[in-house]
Each structure stands twice: as structure tokens, then as C-alpha cells.
Amino acid sequence: MNQGFKNLKVYKLAYQLAVKIFKLSDSFPKEETYSLTDQIRRSSRAICANIAEGYRKRIYPNHFRSKMSDADSECSETIVWLDFAKDCGYINAEDHKNLTSNYLEVGKMLGNMIKHPKKFYPRS
């Protein structure tokens, strides 16, 4: 069965990273519940949601590009929250390095999708 956006390498990686962030952020201090914890979880999940939304509208290149751009923006936001989490001592340097590196890879993939939307057109 064709899973559509769920088959995309970028979606799979972003989803895996969002789950990892959820698990890591579970140990953040309670006073961060409605700030850093909430923000990093939202931005990491929004990458996946924007990819899914854009993929469904891929027949419209401008809409597709816009949603991939939104996903890329959320990716950058997640990196900022990761920086805060590391500098506040909530995640270790190794997790920060690995997650940041992976999010930079997601950003590159999204950039490629923005530049080449026709590669993602539905097959007739």
C-alpha cells in the first residue's frame, strides 16, 4: 500500500527525530513545561505535519513549496530550542550534536524539495 508522504525519507527522519525529542524532553524540569518543553515538541512535530500537508497539495507547486518552506522554518526553530536545551543543561552535548546534525540534514532535504517540486508531482 502506498503511504504517500510516509514513504518520504525526509518525513521518516523528521518523525524519528520528533519522537526522540519527545522522549528527551520528558526529563526537562517542570518549570519548562509550558515554555521550552512545549515549544520544542511543537516545532519538531510541525515539521512532519507541514511535510504531510504539502505532499497532499503537491500538484500545486507554489503551495507545495510554501509548506516545505514552513517545515524548514520549523526545523530551524527546533535547532534553536535544542541550543537552549543544551545550554540550560537539559540535554548533553552528544545528543545536541546528533540532533542538530540530523535537523540540518532534514533542512537540506526540504531545500531540495523546494527547488525541485516537480519531482514530487503525483504520477498520472
C-alpha atoms as a PDB file:
ATOM      1  CA  MET A   1       0.000   0.000   0.000  1.00  0.00           C
ATOM      2  CA  ASN A   2       1.305   3.445  -0.933  1.00  0.00           C
ATOM      3  CA  GLN A   3       1.721   5.503   2.218  1.00  0.00           C
ATOM      4  CA  GLY A   4       2.357   8.753   0.319  1.00  0.00           C
ATOM      5  CA  PHE A   5       4.256  11.230   2.480  1.00  0.00           C
ATOM      6  CA  LYS A   6       5.118   8.472   4.970  1.00  0.00           C
ATOM      7  CA  ASN A   7       7.409   6.957   2.317  1.00  0.00           C
ATOM      8  CA  LEU A   8       9.481  10.138   2.056  1.00  0.00           C
ATOM      9  CA  LYS A   9      12.937   9.844   3.584  1.00  0.00           C
ATOM     10  CA  VAL A  10      12.641  13.383   4.959  1.00  0.00           C
ATOM     11  CA  TYR A  11       9.354  12.561   6.679  1.00  0.00           C
ATOM     12  CA  LYS A  12      10.713   9.355   8.207  1.00  0.00           C
ATOM     13  CA  LEU A  13      13.769  11.154   9.592  1.00  0.00           C
ATOM     14  CA  ALA A  14      11.783  14.129  10.897  1.00  0.00           C
ATOM     15  CA  TYR A  15       9.282  11.810  12.577  1.00  0.00           C
ATOM     16  CA  GLN A  16      12.044   9.748  14.193  1.00  0.00           C
ATOM     17  CA  LEU A  17      13.681  12.927  15.489  1.00  0.00           C
ATOM     18  CA  ALA A  18      10.387  14.292  16.867  1.00  0.00           C
ATOM     19  CA  VAL A  19       9.873  11.075  18.831  1.00  0.00           C
ATOM     20  CA  LYS A  20      13.422  11.306  20.189  1.00  0.00           C
ATOM     21  CA  ILE A  21      12.835  14.916  21.236  1.00  0.00           C
ATOM     22  CA  PHE A  22       9.609  13.918  22.959  1.00  0.00           C
ATOM     23  CA  LYS A  23      11.443  11.280  24.976  1.00  0.00           C
ATOM     24  CA  LEU A  24      14.385  13.562  25.815  1.00  0.00           C
ATOM     25  CA  SER A  25      12.154  16.472  26.780  1.00  0.00           C
ATOM     26  CA  ASP A  26      10.232  14.285  29.205  1.00  0.00           C
ATOM     27  CA  SER A  27      13.089  14.831  31.631  1.00  0.00           C
ATOM     28  CA  PHE A  28      13.101  18.635  31.324  1.00  0.00           C
ATOM     29  CA  PRO A  29      12.261  20.481  34.563  1.00  0.00           C
ATOM     30  CA  LYS A  30       8.596  21.038  35.346  1.00  0.00           C
ATOM     31  CA  GLU A  31       9.044  24.828  35.163  1.00  0.00           C
ATOM     32  CA  GLU A  32       9.831  24.371  31.441  1.00  0.00           C
ATOM     33  CA  THR A  33       6.573  22.500  30.734  1.00  0.00           C
ATOM     34  CA  TYR A  34       4.802  25.461  29.125  1.00  0.00           C
ATOM     35  CA  SER A  35       7.865  27.028  27.569  1.00  0.00           C
ATOM     36  CA  LEU A  36      10.858  25.090  26.267  1.00  0.00           C
ATOM     37  CA  THR A  37       9.305  21.623  26.513  1.00  0.00           C
ATOM     38  CA  ASP A  38       6.126  22.680  24.744  1.00  0.00           C
ATOM     39  CA  GLN A  39       7.952  24.728  22.103  1.00  0.00           C
ATOM     40  CA  ILE A  40      10.493  22.087  21.118  1.00  0.00           C
ATOM     41  CA  ARG A  41       7.815  19.406  20.914  1.00  0.00           C
ATOM     42  CA  ARG A  42       5.540  21.606  18.810  1.00  0.00           C
ATOM     43  CA  SER A  43       8.219  22.709  16.359  1.00  0.00           C
ATOM     44  CA  SER A  44       9.615  19.208  15.869  1.00  0.00           C
ATOM     45  CA  ARG A  45       6.137  17.805  15.215  1.00  0.00           C
ATOM     46  CA  ALA A  46       5.193  20.717  12.948  1.00  0.00           C
ATOM     47  CA  ILE A  47       7.948  19.695  10.535  1.00  0.00           C
ATOM     48  CA  CYS A  48       6.170  16.386   9.957  1.00  0.00           C
ATOM     49  CA  ALA A  49       2.740  17.992   9.743  1.00  0.00           C
ATOM     50  CA  ASN A  50       3.883  20.527   7.160  1.00  0.00           C
ATOM     51  CA  ILE A  51       5.507  17.828   5.053  1.00  0.00           C
ATOM     52  CA  ALA A  52       2.265  15.832   5.122  1.00  0.00           C
ATOM     53  CA  GLU A  53       0.121  18.853   4.266  1.00  0.00           C
ATOM     54  CA  GLY A  54       2.407  19.958   1.450  1.00  0.00           C
ATOM     55  CA  TYR A  55       2.643  16.481  -0.007  1.00  0.00           C
ATOM     56  CA  ARG A  56      -1.140  16.302  -0.335  1.00  0.00           C
ATOM     57  CA  LYS A  57      -1.063  19.579  -2.303  1.00  0.00           C
ATOM     58  CA  ARG A  58       1.982  18.729  -4.409  1.00  0.00           C
ATOM     59  CA  ILE A  59       0.059  19.177  -7.660  1.00  0.00           C
ATOM     60  CA  TYR A  60       0.199  22.914  -6.862  1.00  0.00           C
ATOM     61  CA  PRO A  61       3.938  23.779  -6.904  1.00  0.00           C
ATOM     62  CA  ASN A  62       3.606  27.096  -5.078  1.00  0.00           C
ATOM     63  CA  HIS A  63       1.549  25.574  -2.276  1.00  0.00           C
ATOM     64  CA  PHE A  64       3.961  22.639  -2.053  1.00  0.00           C
ATOM     65  CA  ARG A  65       6.944  24.988  -1.834  1.00  0.00           C
ATOM     66  CA  SER A  66       5.201  27.076   0.805  1.00  0.00           C
ATOM     67  CA  LYS A  67       4.521  24.087   3.072  1.00  0.00           C
ATOM     68  CA  MET A  68       8.061  22.754   2.625  1.00  0.00           C
ATOM     69  CA  SER A  69       9.330  26.238   3.484  1.00  0.00           C
ATOM     70  CA  ASP A  70       7.146  26.200   6.612  1.00  0.00           C
ATOM     71  CA  ALA A  71       8.612  22.792   7.505  1.00  0.00           C
ATOM     72  CA  ASP A  72      12.122  24.177   7.016  1.00  0.00           C
ATOM     73  CA  SER A  73      11.315  27.141   9.271  1.00  0.00           C
ATOM     74  CA  GLU A  74      10.100  24.764  11.974  1.00  0.00           C
ATOM     75  CA  CYS A  75      13.309  22.799  11.516  1.00  0.00           C
ATOM     76  CA  SER A  76      15.371  25.934  12.192  1.00  0.00           C
ATOM     77  CA  GLU A  77      13.216  26.742  15.206  1.00  0.00           C
ATOM     78  CA  THR A  78      13.788  23.253  16.594  1.00  0.00           C
ATOM     79  CA  ILE A  79      17.555  23.760  16.310  1.00  0.00           C
ATOM     80  CA  VAL A  80      17.261  26.955  18.366  1.00  0.00           C
ATOM     81  CA  TRP A  81      15.322  25.113  21.070  1.00  0.00           C
ATOM     82  CA  LEU A  82      17.970  22.383  21.042  1.00  0.00           C
ATOM     83  CA  ASP A  83      20.605  25.055  21.651  1.00  0.00           C
ATOM     84  CA  PHE A  84      18.646  26.332  24.641  1.00  0.00           C
ATOM     85  CA  ALA A  85      18.162  22.796  25.963  1.00  0.00           C
ATOM     86  CA  LYS A  86      21.904  22.116  25.782  1.00  0.00           C
ATOM     87  CA  ASP A  87      22.950  25.459  27.257  1.00  0.00           C
ATOM     88  CA  CYS A  88      20.462  25.078  30.116  1.00  0.00           C
ATOM     89  CA  GLY A  89      21.882  21.625  30.852  1.00  0.00           C
ATOM     90  CA  TYR A  90      18.760  19.678  29.874  1.00  0.00           C
ATOM     91  CA  ILE A  91      20.428  17.622  27.126  1.00  0.00           C
ATOM     92  CA  ASN A  92      24.025  16.533  26.779  1.00  0.00           C
ATOM     93  CA  ALA A  93      26.420  17.755  24.105  1.00  0.00           C
ATOM     94  CA  GLU A  94      26.341  14.444  22.218  1.00  0.00           C
ATOM     95  CA  ASP A  95      22.539  14.418  21.892  1.00  0.00           C
ATOM     96  CA  HIS A  96      22.640  18.077  20.862  1.00  0.00           C
ATOM     97  CA  LYS A  97      25.275  17.410  18.210  1.00  0.00           C
ATOM     98  CA  ASN A  98      23.455  14.380  16.780  1.00  0.00           C
ATOM     99  CA  LEU A  99      20.029  16.010  16.751  1.00  0.00           C
ATOM    100  CA  THR A 100      21.325  19.255  15.266  1.00  0.00           C
ATOM    101  CA  SER A 101      23.218  17.372  12.564  1.00  0.00           C
ATOM    102  CA  ASN A 102      20.100  15.391  11.689  1.00  0.00           C
ATOM    103  CA  TYR A 103      17.939  18.515  11.581  1.00  0.00           C
ATOM    104  CA  LEU A 104      20.456  20.169   9.264  1.00  0.00           C
ATOM    105  CA  GLU A 105      20.075  17.117   7.014  1.00  0.00           C
ATOM    106  CA  VAL A 106      16.282  17.469   7.136  1.00  0.00           C
ATOM    107  CA  GLY A 107      16.707  21.122   6.159  1.00  0.00           C
ATOM    108  CA  LYS A 108      18.848  20.169   3.158  1.00  0.00           C
ATOM    109  CA  MET A 109      16.260  17.650   2.002  1.00  0.00           C
ATOM    110  CA  LEU A 110      13.492  20.212   2.375  1.00  0.00           C
ATOM    111  CA  GLY A 111      15.557  22.741   0.433  1.00  0.00           C
ATOM    112  CA  ASN A 112      15.880  20.248  -2.395  1.00  0.00           C
ATOM    113  CA  MET A 113      12.123  19.687  -2.358  1.00  0.00           C
ATOM    114  CA  ILE A 114      11.540  23.447  -2.542  1.00  0.00           C
ATOM    115  CA  LYS A 115      13.907  23.775  -5.517  1.00  0.00           C
ATOM    116  CA  HIS A 116      12.533  20.753  -7.387  1.00  0.00           C
ATOM    117  CA  PRO A 117       8.800  20.397  -6.678  1.00  0.00           C
ATOM    118  CA  LYS A 118       8.138  18.618  -9.971  1.00  0.00           C
ATOM    119  CA  LYS A 119       9.977  15.559  -8.678  1.00  0.00           C
ATOM    120  CA  PHE A 120       7.103  15.128  -6.239  1.00  0.00           C
ATOM    121  CA  TYR A 121       4.190  15.555  -8.641  1.00  0.00           C
ATOM    122  CA  PRO A 122       1.623  12.779  -8.479  1.00  0.00           C
ATOM    123  CA  ARG A 123       2.143  10.144 -11.133  1.00  0.00           C
ATOM    124  CA  SER A 124      -0.651  10.025 -13.686  1.00  0.00           C
END
